[in-house]
Amino acid sequence: MNTTLSTRGQLVLPAEIRRQDDLRPGQEFEVERIDHGEYRLVLREPRPNEGLIDWLLACPDKGFFVPVDSEDTDSLCATL
């Protein structure tokens, strides 16, 4: 399969590849330069719980989740 680099530096993955691998808009890839004219494209897997804090802070019930300024979880358990 072939694709073309746009004037904005974008590459489009052919629809057949996107369907085969269930690729969705917004997914991130790592690009590695192997040699002149040779590159490797790897789907970046999100870290576990990536975006969880933003999701919790967006809760419509304001005050439901309150960030705690503490790196020590033992002190959190003592207050419960």
N, C-alpha and C. Protein backbone atom coordinates (compact mmCIF):
# COMPACT_ATOMS: atom_id res chain seq x y z
N MET A 1 0.84 -1.18 0.00
CA MET A 1 0.00 0.00 0.00
C MET A 1 0.89 1.24 0.00
N ASN A 2 0.39 2.27 -0.62
CA ASN A 2 1.12 3.54 -0.69
C ASN A 2 0.33 4.64 -0.03
N THR A 3 1.05 5.66 0.43
CA THR A 3 0.43 6.86 0.97
C THR A 3 1.32 8.03 0.57
N THR A 4 0.83 9.24 0.74
CA THR A 4 1.57 10.43 0.32
C THR A 4 1.72 11.39 1.48
N LEU A 5 2.88 11.99 1.59
CA LEU A 5 3.13 13.00 2.61
C LEU A 5 2.49 14.31 2.16
N SER A 6 1.66 14.90 3.03
CA SER A 6 0.99 16.15 2.66
C SER A 6 1.94 17.33 2.81
N THR A 7 1.51 18.49 2.33
CA THR A 7 2.32 19.70 2.46
C THR A 7 2.48 20.12 3.92
N ARG A 8 1.63 19.61 4.78
CA ARG A 8 1.72 19.89 6.22
C ARG A 8 2.51 18.82 6.97
N GLY A 9 3.10 17.86 6.24
CA GLY A 9 3.91 16.83 6.86
C GLY A 9 3.11 15.67 7.42
N GLN A 10 1.88 15.52 7.00
CA GLN A 10 1.01 14.46 7.52
C GLN A 10 0.99 13.26 6.59
N LEU A 11 0.92 12.07 7.20
CA LEU A 11 0.75 10.83 6.46
C LEU A 11 -0.61 10.25 6.81
N VAL A 12 -1.28 9.68 5.85
CA VAL A 12 -2.56 9.04 6.08
C VAL A 12 -2.36 7.53 5.99
N LEU A 13 -2.76 6.81 7.03
CA LEU A 13 -2.71 5.36 6.97
C LEU A 13 -3.89 4.88 6.13
N PRO A 14 -3.66 4.00 5.19
CA PRO A 14 -4.75 3.52 4.34
C PRO A 14 -5.90 2.92 5.17
N ALA A 15 -7.11 3.11 4.67
CA ALA A 15 -8.31 2.66 5.39
C ALA A 15 -8.25 1.18 5.72
N GLU A 16 -7.71 0.37 4.82
CA GLU A 16 -7.64 -1.07 5.07
C GLU A 16 -6.81 -1.38 6.32
N ILE A 17 -5.70 -0.69 6.50
CA ILE A 17 -4.86 -0.90 7.69
C ILE A 17 -5.61 -0.42 8.94
N ARG A 18 -6.27 0.74 8.83
CA ARG A 18 -7.01 1.26 9.99
C ARG A 18 -8.11 0.30 10.41
N ARG A 19 -8.79 -0.31 9.46
CA ARG A 19 -9.84 -1.28 9.78
C ARG A 19 -9.25 -2.55 10.39
N GLN A 20 -8.18 -3.07 9.78
CA GLN A 20 -7.57 -4.31 10.27
C GLN A 20 -7.12 -4.19 11.73
N ASP A 21 -6.56 -3.04 12.08
CA ASP A 21 -6.00 -2.86 13.42
C ASP A 21 -6.90 -2.04 14.33
N ASP A 22 -8.13 -1.73 13.88
CA ASP A 22 -9.10 -0.96 14.66
C ASP A 22 -8.48 0.34 15.18
N LEU A 23 -7.80 1.07 14.30
CA LEU A 23 -7.18 2.34 14.67
C LEU A 23 -8.22 3.44 14.68
N ARG A 24 -8.12 4.32 15.67
CA ARG A 24 -9.10 5.39 15.86
C ARG A 24 -8.40 6.75 15.86
N PRO A 25 -9.12 7.81 15.47
CA PRO A 25 -8.54 9.16 15.54
C PRO A 25 -8.07 9.47 16.96
N GLY A 26 -6.94 10.12 17.06
CA GLY A 26 -6.40 10.51 18.36
C GLY A 26 -5.39 9.53 18.92
N GLN A 27 -5.32 8.32 18.38
CA GLN A 27 -4.32 7.38 18.86
C GLN A 27 -2.93 7.90 18.47
N GLU A 28 -1.96 7.69 19.34
CA GLU A 28 -0.62 8.21 19.12
C GLU A 28 0.34 7.11 18.66
N PHE A 29 1.31 7.54 17.86
CA PHE A 29 2.31 6.63 17.33
C PHE A 29 3.70 7.19 17.62
N GLU A 30 4.66 6.29 17.74
CA GLU A 30 6.07 6.68 17.81
C GLU A 30 6.66 6.45 16.43
N VAL A 31 7.49 7.39 15.99
CA VAL A 31 8.16 7.26 14.71
C VAL A 31 9.65 7.18 14.98
N GLU A 32 10.28 6.15 14.45
CA GLU A 32 11.72 5.94 14.64
C GLU A 32 12.39 5.97 13.27
N ARG A 33 13.43 6.76 13.14
CA ARG A 33 14.18 6.78 11.89
C ARG A 33 15.20 5.65 11.93
N ILE A 34 15.08 4.72 11.03
CA ILE A 34 15.98 3.58 10.95
C ILE A 34 17.22 3.96 10.15
N ASP A 35 16.99 4.51 8.96
CA ASP A 35 18.05 4.91 8.04
C ASP A 35 17.44 5.90 7.06
N HIS A 36 18.24 6.43 6.17
CA HIS A 36 17.73 7.37 5.16
C HIS A 36 16.62 6.69 4.37
N GLY A 37 15.40 7.26 4.46
CA GLY A 37 14.27 6.73 3.72
C GLY A 37 13.61 5.52 4.34
N GLU A 38 14.03 5.12 5.55
CA GLU A 38 13.45 3.95 6.21
C GLU A 38 13.02 4.33 7.63
N TYR A 39 11.74 4.10 7.94
CA TYR A 39 11.18 4.53 9.21
C TYR A 39 10.34 3.40 9.80
N ARG A 40 10.16 3.47 11.10
CA ARG A 40 9.34 2.48 11.81
C ARG A 40 8.25 3.24 12.55
N LEU A 41 7.02 2.81 12.39
CA LEU A 41 5.86 3.43 13.02
C LEU A 41 5.27 2.43 14.00
N VAL A 42 5.15 2.82 15.28
CA VAL A 42 4.66 1.92 16.33
C VAL A 42 3.54 2.60 17.09
N LEU A 43 2.41 1.91 17.24
CA LEU A 43 1.29 2.42 18.01
C LEU A 43 1.72 2.56 19.46
N ARG A 44 1.53 3.75 20.03
CA ARG A 44 1.90 4.01 21.42
C ARG A 44 0.73 3.59 22.30
N GLU A 45 0.98 2.64 23.18
CA GLU A 45 -0.06 2.20 24.11
C GLU A 45 -0.11 3.18 25.28
N PRO A 46 -1.30 3.64 25.64
CA PRO A 46 -1.39 4.57 26.78
C PRO A 46 -0.97 3.89 28.08
N ARG A 47 -0.36 4.68 28.96
CA ARG A 47 0.02 4.15 30.27
C ARG A 47 -1.25 3.83 31.05
N PRO A 48 -1.18 2.85 31.95
CA PRO A 48 -2.36 2.54 32.77
C PRO A 48 -2.84 3.80 33.50
N ASN A 49 -4.11 4.01 33.50
CA ASN A 49 -4.77 5.14 34.18
C ASN A 49 -4.43 6.50 33.58
N GLU A 50 -3.85 6.54 32.37
CA GLU A 50 -3.54 7.82 31.75
C GLU A 50 -4.85 8.58 31.52
N GLY A 51 -4.91 9.81 31.99
CA GLY A 51 -6.09 10.64 31.83
C GLY A 51 -7.13 10.46 32.92
N LEU A 52 -6.88 9.59 33.89
CA LEU A 52 -7.85 9.33 34.94
C LEU A 52 -8.14 10.57 35.79
N ILE A 53 -7.11 11.30 36.16
CA ILE A 53 -7.30 12.49 37.00
C ILE A 53 -8.14 13.53 36.26
N ASP A 54 -7.84 13.77 34.97
CA ASP A 54 -8.65 14.73 34.20
C ASP A 54 -10.10 14.28 34.13
N TRP A 55 -10.33 12.98 33.97
CA TRP A 55 -11.68 12.44 33.91
C TRP A 55 -12.40 12.66 35.24
N LEU A 56 -11.72 12.40 36.35
CA LEU A 56 -12.34 12.59 37.66
C LEU A 56 -12.63 14.06 37.94
N LEU A 57 -11.70 14.94 37.57
CA LEU A 57 -11.91 16.36 37.79
C LEU A 57 -13.05 16.92 36.94
N ALA A 58 -13.37 16.25 35.83
CA ALA A 58 -14.46 16.69 34.95
C ALA A 58 -15.82 16.19 35.43
N CYS A 59 -15.87 15.51 36.57
CA CYS A 59 -17.13 14.98 37.10
C CYS A 59 -18.15 16.11 37.25
N PRO A 60 -19.38 15.91 36.75
CA PRO A 60 -20.38 16.98 36.84
C PRO A 60 -20.81 17.29 38.28
N ASP A 61 -20.62 16.35 39.20
CA ASP A 61 -20.96 16.58 40.60
C ASP A 61 -19.75 17.25 41.25
N LYS A 62 -19.72 18.59 41.22
CA LYS A 62 -18.56 19.33 41.71
C LYS A 62 -18.31 19.02 43.19
N GLY A 63 -17.04 18.87 43.52
CA GLY A 63 -16.65 18.55 44.88
C GLY A 63 -16.60 17.06 45.14
N PHE A 64 -17.00 16.24 44.15
CA PHE A 64 -16.97 14.78 44.31
C PHE A 64 -15.54 14.29 44.46
N PHE A 65 -14.64 14.84 43.66
CA PHE A 65 -13.24 14.44 43.71
C PHE A 65 -12.42 15.67 44.04
N VAL A 66 -11.65 15.59 45.10
CA VAL A 66 -10.81 16.70 45.51
C VAL A 66 -9.37 16.21 45.55
N PRO A 67 -8.46 16.82 44.77
CA PRO A 67 -7.07 16.41 44.80
C PRO A 67 -6.47 16.64 46.18
N VAL A 68 -5.60 15.75 46.60
CA VAL A 68 -4.96 15.84 47.90
C VAL A 68 -3.47 16.07 47.69
N ASP A 69 -2.92 17.10 48.33
CA ASP A 69 -1.50 17.40 48.21
C ASP A 69 -0.72 16.51 49.16
N SER A 70 -0.45 15.28 48.74
CA SER A 70 0.30 14.35 49.58
C SER A 70 0.92 13.29 48.68
N GLU A 71 2.15 12.93 48.97
CA GLU A 71 2.79 11.84 48.24
C GLU A 71 2.78 10.57 49.09
N ASP A 72 2.36 10.71 50.35
CA ASP A 72 2.37 9.57 51.28
C ASP A 72 0.96 9.06 51.43
N THR A 73 0.66 7.89 50.90
CA THR A 73 -0.70 7.34 50.98
C THR A 73 -1.04 6.87 52.38
N ASP A 74 -0.05 6.59 53.20
CA ASP A 74 -0.34 6.17 54.58
C ASP A 74 -1.06 7.27 55.35
N SER A 75 -0.69 8.53 55.11
CA SER A 75 -1.36 9.63 55.81
C SER A 75 -2.80 9.79 55.35
N LEU A 76 -3.10 9.40 54.13
CA LEU A 76 -4.48 9.47 53.64
C LEU A 76 -5.36 8.46 54.37
N CYS A 77 -4.86 7.26 54.59
CA CYS A 77 -5.63 6.21 55.24
C CYS A 77 -5.92 6.58 56.69
N ALA A 78 -5.02 7.30 57.34
CA ALA A 78 -5.21 7.69 58.74
C ALA A 78 -6.36 8.67 58.90
N THR A 79 -6.64 9.46 57.85
CA THR A 79 -7.71 10.46 57.96
C THR A 79 -9.08 9.87 57.64
N LEU A 80 -9.12 8.69 57.07
CA LEU A 80 -10.41 8.07 56.72
C LEU A 80 -10.95 7.39 57.88
